[in-house]
């Protein structure tokens, strides 16, 4: 399993809000696909998939606030 983790953001930004998941649990994703849209105080950005596989778990649902280093979900690599 590969964890989808909120990476280090711009200096001084330690959290983001999950705006939108582009895939549902059980769907196949490819490496570098836009996986989830996140919003901070200053910007909105897409987090790409770290690998190809099946999205097996979404830990942070839309509207949730997550901190840098938090796990957003899991991908079972193919």
N, C-alpha and C. Protein backbone atom coordinates (compact mmCIF):
# COMPACT_ATOMS: atom_id res chain seq x y z
N UNK A 1 0.84 -1.18 0.00
CA UNK A 1 0.00 0.00 0.00
C UNK A 1 0.88 1.25 0.00
N UNK A 2 0.47 2.21 -0.77
CA UNK A 2 1.16 3.50 -0.81
C UNK A 2 0.26 4.56 -0.18
N UNK A 3 0.82 5.31 0.75
CA UNK A 3 0.06 6.37 1.40
C UNK A 3 0.04 7.61 0.52
N UNK A 4 -1.10 8.28 0.49
CA UNK A 4 -1.22 9.58 -0.15
C UNK A 4 -1.08 10.58 0.99
N UNK A 5 0.01 11.35 0.99
CA UNK A 5 0.35 12.21 2.11
C UNK A 5 0.35 13.67 1.67
N UNK A 6 -0.15 14.56 2.54
CA UNK A 6 -0.07 15.99 2.25
C UNK A 6 1.39 16.40 2.39
N UNK A 7 2.00 16.86 1.28
CA UNK A 7 3.42 17.22 1.32
C UNK A 7 3.65 18.57 1.99
N UNK A 8 4.92 18.88 2.22
CA UNK A 8 5.30 20.20 2.74
C UNK A 8 4.82 21.25 1.75
N UNK A 9 4.18 22.28 2.24
CA UNK A 9 3.64 23.33 1.39
C UNK A 9 4.54 24.56 1.46
N UNK A 10 4.06 25.68 0.96
CA UNK A 10 4.82 26.92 1.03
C UNK A 10 5.18 27.24 2.48
N UNK A 11 6.21 28.02 2.65
CA UNK A 11 6.67 28.38 3.98
C UNK A 11 5.53 29.01 4.79
N UNK A 12 5.33 28.52 5.99
CA UNK A 12 4.31 29.07 6.87
C UNK A 12 2.94 28.44 6.71
N UNK A 13 2.75 27.61 5.70
CA UNK A 13 1.44 26.96 5.51
C UNK A 13 1.56 25.52 5.99
N UNK A 14 0.76 25.18 7.00
CA UNK A 14 0.85 23.87 7.63
C UNK A 14 -0.39 23.01 7.44
N UNK A 15 -1.45 23.58 6.81
CA UNK A 15 -2.67 22.79 6.64
C UNK A 15 -3.38 23.18 5.35
N UNK A 16 -4.26 22.29 4.92
CA UNK A 16 -5.06 22.52 3.71
C UNK A 16 -6.41 21.87 3.91
N UNK A 17 -7.37 22.28 3.09
CA UNK A 17 -8.71 21.69 3.12
C UNK A 17 -8.90 20.86 1.86
N UNK A 18 -9.43 19.65 2.02
CA UNK A 18 -9.72 18.79 0.88
C UNK A 18 -10.96 19.36 0.18
N UNK A 19 -10.79 19.78 -1.07
CA UNK A 19 -11.90 20.37 -1.82
C UNK A 19 -12.66 19.33 -2.62
N UNK A 20 -11.91 18.44 -3.30
CA UNK A 20 -12.56 17.51 -4.24
C UNK A 20 -11.66 16.33 -4.53
N UNK A 21 -12.22 15.13 -4.47
CA UNK A 21 -11.52 13.92 -4.92
C UNK A 21 -11.92 13.65 -6.36
N UNK A 22 -10.95 13.45 -7.24
CA UNK A 22 -11.21 13.17 -8.66
C UNK A 22 -11.58 11.70 -8.90
N UNK A 23 -11.27 10.84 -7.94
CA UNK A 23 -11.55 9.41 -8.05
C UNK A 23 -12.31 8.95 -6.82
N UNK A 24 -13.04 7.85 -6.97
CA UNK A 24 -13.75 7.23 -5.85
C UNK A 24 -12.99 5.97 -5.41
N UNK A 25 -13.25 5.54 -4.20
CA UNK A 25 -12.66 4.30 -3.70
C UNK A 25 -12.99 3.16 -4.66
N UNK A 26 -11.98 2.36 -4.99
CA UNK A 26 -12.16 1.23 -5.89
C UNK A 26 -11.80 1.53 -7.34
N UNK A 27 -11.56 2.80 -7.66
CA UNK A 27 -11.22 3.16 -9.04
C UNK A 27 -9.72 3.09 -9.27
N UNK A 28 -9.36 2.78 -10.52
CA UNK A 28 -7.96 2.69 -10.92
C UNK A 28 -7.43 4.09 -11.19
N UNK A 29 -6.22 4.36 -10.70
CA UNK A 29 -5.54 5.63 -10.94
C UNK A 29 -4.18 5.36 -11.56
N UNK A 30 -3.69 6.32 -12.31
CA UNK A 30 -2.35 6.23 -12.90
C UNK A 30 -1.43 7.21 -12.19
N UNK A 31 -0.15 6.88 -12.15
CA UNK A 31 0.83 7.79 -11.56
C UNK A 31 0.71 9.15 -12.23
N UNK A 32 0.75 10.19 -11.43
CA UNK A 32 0.70 11.58 -11.87
C UNK A 32 -0.70 12.08 -12.24
N UNK A 33 -1.74 11.21 -12.19
CA UNK A 33 -3.12 11.69 -12.37
C UNK A 33 -3.43 12.68 -11.24
N UNK A 34 -4.20 13.72 -11.55
CA UNK A 34 -4.70 14.58 -10.49
C UNK A 34 -5.62 13.73 -9.62
N UNK A 35 -5.29 13.66 -8.34
CA UNK A 35 -5.99 12.76 -7.43
C UNK A 35 -6.97 13.51 -6.54
N UNK A 36 -6.50 14.62 -5.98
CA UNK A 36 -7.31 15.38 -5.02
C UNK A 36 -6.98 16.86 -5.15
N UNK A 37 -8.01 17.70 -5.04
CA UNK A 37 -7.83 19.15 -5.05
C UNK A 37 -7.81 19.63 -3.60
N UNK A 38 -6.83 20.47 -3.29
CA UNK A 38 -6.66 21.00 -1.94
C UNK A 38 -6.63 22.52 -1.98
N UNK A 39 -7.11 23.14 -0.90
CA UNK A 39 -7.14 24.59 -0.81
C UNK A 39 -6.45 25.03 0.47
N UNK A 40 -5.59 26.06 0.35
CA UNK A 40 -4.97 26.68 1.51
C UNK A 40 -5.46 28.13 1.58
N UNK A 41 -4.94 28.89 2.54
CA UNK A 41 -5.30 30.30 2.65
C UNK A 41 -4.95 31.06 1.37
N UNK A 42 -3.91 30.59 0.69
CA UNK A 42 -3.35 31.36 -0.42
C UNK A 42 -3.57 30.77 -1.80
N UNK A 43 -3.88 29.49 -1.90
CA UNK A 43 -3.94 28.87 -3.23
C UNK A 43 -4.78 27.59 -3.23
N UNK A 44 -5.17 27.20 -4.44
CA UNK A 44 -5.81 25.91 -4.67
C UNK A 44 -4.88 25.12 -5.59
N UNK A 45 -4.66 23.86 -5.26
CA UNK A 45 -3.75 23.05 -6.08
C UNK A 45 -4.22 21.61 -6.11
N UNK A 46 -3.74 20.88 -7.12
CA UNK A 46 -4.04 19.45 -7.26
C UNK A 46 -2.85 18.64 -6.80
N UNK A 47 -3.13 17.58 -6.08
CA UNK A 47 -2.08 16.65 -5.64
C UNK A 47 -2.12 15.44 -6.57
N UNK A 48 -1.01 15.15 -7.26
CA UNK A 48 -1.01 14.01 -8.18
C UNK A 48 -0.84 12.67 -7.44
N UNK A 49 -1.28 11.62 -8.11
CA UNK A 49 -1.12 10.28 -7.56
C UNK A 49 0.36 9.91 -7.51
N UNK A 50 0.83 9.36 -6.40
CA UNK A 50 2.24 8.98 -6.29
C UNK A 50 2.59 7.71 -7.06
N UNK A 51 1.56 6.94 -7.48
CA UNK A 51 1.81 5.67 -8.17
C UNK A 51 0.55 5.25 -8.92
N UNK A 52 0.67 4.20 -9.71
CA UNK A 52 -0.50 3.61 -10.39
C UNK A 52 -1.06 2.49 -9.52
N UNK A 53 -2.37 2.34 -9.55
CA UNK A 53 -3.00 1.28 -8.77
C UNK A 53 -4.47 1.57 -8.55
N UNK A 54 -5.01 1.03 -7.47
CA UNK A 54 -6.42 1.20 -7.13
C UNK A 54 -6.52 2.01 -5.84
N UNK A 55 -7.34 3.05 -5.87
CA UNK A 55 -7.58 3.86 -4.67
C UNK A 55 -8.43 3.02 -3.71
N UNK A 56 -7.81 2.55 -2.64
CA UNK A 56 -8.49 1.62 -1.74
C UNK A 56 -9.12 2.30 -0.54
N UNK A 57 -8.65 3.50 -0.20
CA UNK A 57 -9.19 4.18 0.98
C UNK A 57 -9.03 5.69 0.84
N UNK A 58 -10.08 6.41 1.24
CA UNK A 58 -10.02 7.86 1.36
C UNK A 58 -10.16 8.16 2.84
N UNK A 59 -9.08 8.67 3.44
CA UNK A 59 -9.05 8.94 4.88
C UNK A 59 -9.55 10.34 5.21
N UNK A 60 -9.35 11.27 4.28
CA UNK A 60 -9.73 12.66 4.48
C UNK A 60 -10.81 13.01 3.46
N UNK A 61 -12.04 13.09 3.92
CA UNK A 61 -13.15 13.36 3.00
C UNK A 61 -13.19 14.83 2.60
N UNK A 62 -13.97 15.13 1.58
CA UNK A 62 -14.12 16.49 1.11
C UNK A 62 -14.61 17.37 2.25
N UNK A 63 -13.97 18.52 2.42
CA UNK A 63 -14.30 19.44 3.49
C UNK A 63 -13.42 19.29 4.71
N UNK A 64 -12.66 18.20 4.79
CA UNK A 64 -11.79 17.95 5.94
C UNK A 64 -10.54 18.83 5.86
N UNK A 65 -10.07 19.28 7.02
CA UNK A 65 -8.82 20.02 7.10
C UNK A 65 -7.73 19.04 7.51
N UNK A 66 -6.62 19.06 6.76
CA UNK A 66 -5.51 18.14 7.03
C UNK A 66 -4.23 18.92 7.22
N UNK A 67 -3.32 18.36 7.99
CA UNK A 67 -2.03 18.98 8.25
C UNK A 67 -0.96 18.33 7.39
N UNK A 68 0.13 19.08 7.18
CA UNK A 68 1.28 18.54 6.45
C UNK A 68 1.69 17.22 7.10
N UNK A 69 1.88 16.18 6.29
CA UNK A 69 2.27 14.87 6.77
C UNK A 69 1.12 13.94 7.04
N UNK A 70 -0.12 14.45 7.07
CA UNK A 70 -1.29 13.60 7.29
C UNK A 70 -1.54 12.72 6.08
N UNK A 71 -2.07 11.53 6.33
CA UNK A 71 -2.45 10.61 5.25
C UNK A 71 -3.85 10.94 4.76
N UNK A 72 -3.96 11.14 3.44
CA UNK A 72 -5.24 11.46 2.83
C UNK A 72 -5.96 10.21 2.36
N UNK A 73 -5.20 9.17 2.01
CA UNK A 73 -5.78 7.94 1.52
C UNK A 73 -4.71 6.91 1.22
N UNK A 74 -5.14 5.77 0.63
CA UNK A 74 -4.22 4.68 0.32
C UNK A 74 -4.46 4.18 -1.10
N UNK A 75 -3.36 3.79 -1.76
CA UNK A 75 -3.43 3.20 -3.11
C UNK A 75 -2.76 1.83 -3.04
N UNK A 76 -3.45 0.81 -3.55
CA UNK A 76 -2.87 -0.52 -3.72
C UNK A 76 -2.18 -0.52 -5.08
N UNK A 77 -0.86 -0.56 -5.05
CA UNK A 77 -0.09 -0.49 -6.32
C UNK A 77 -0.38 -1.70 -7.20
N UNK A 78 -0.40 -1.42 -8.53
CA UNK A 78 -0.63 -2.51 -9.48
C UNK A 78 0.66 -2.92 -10.14
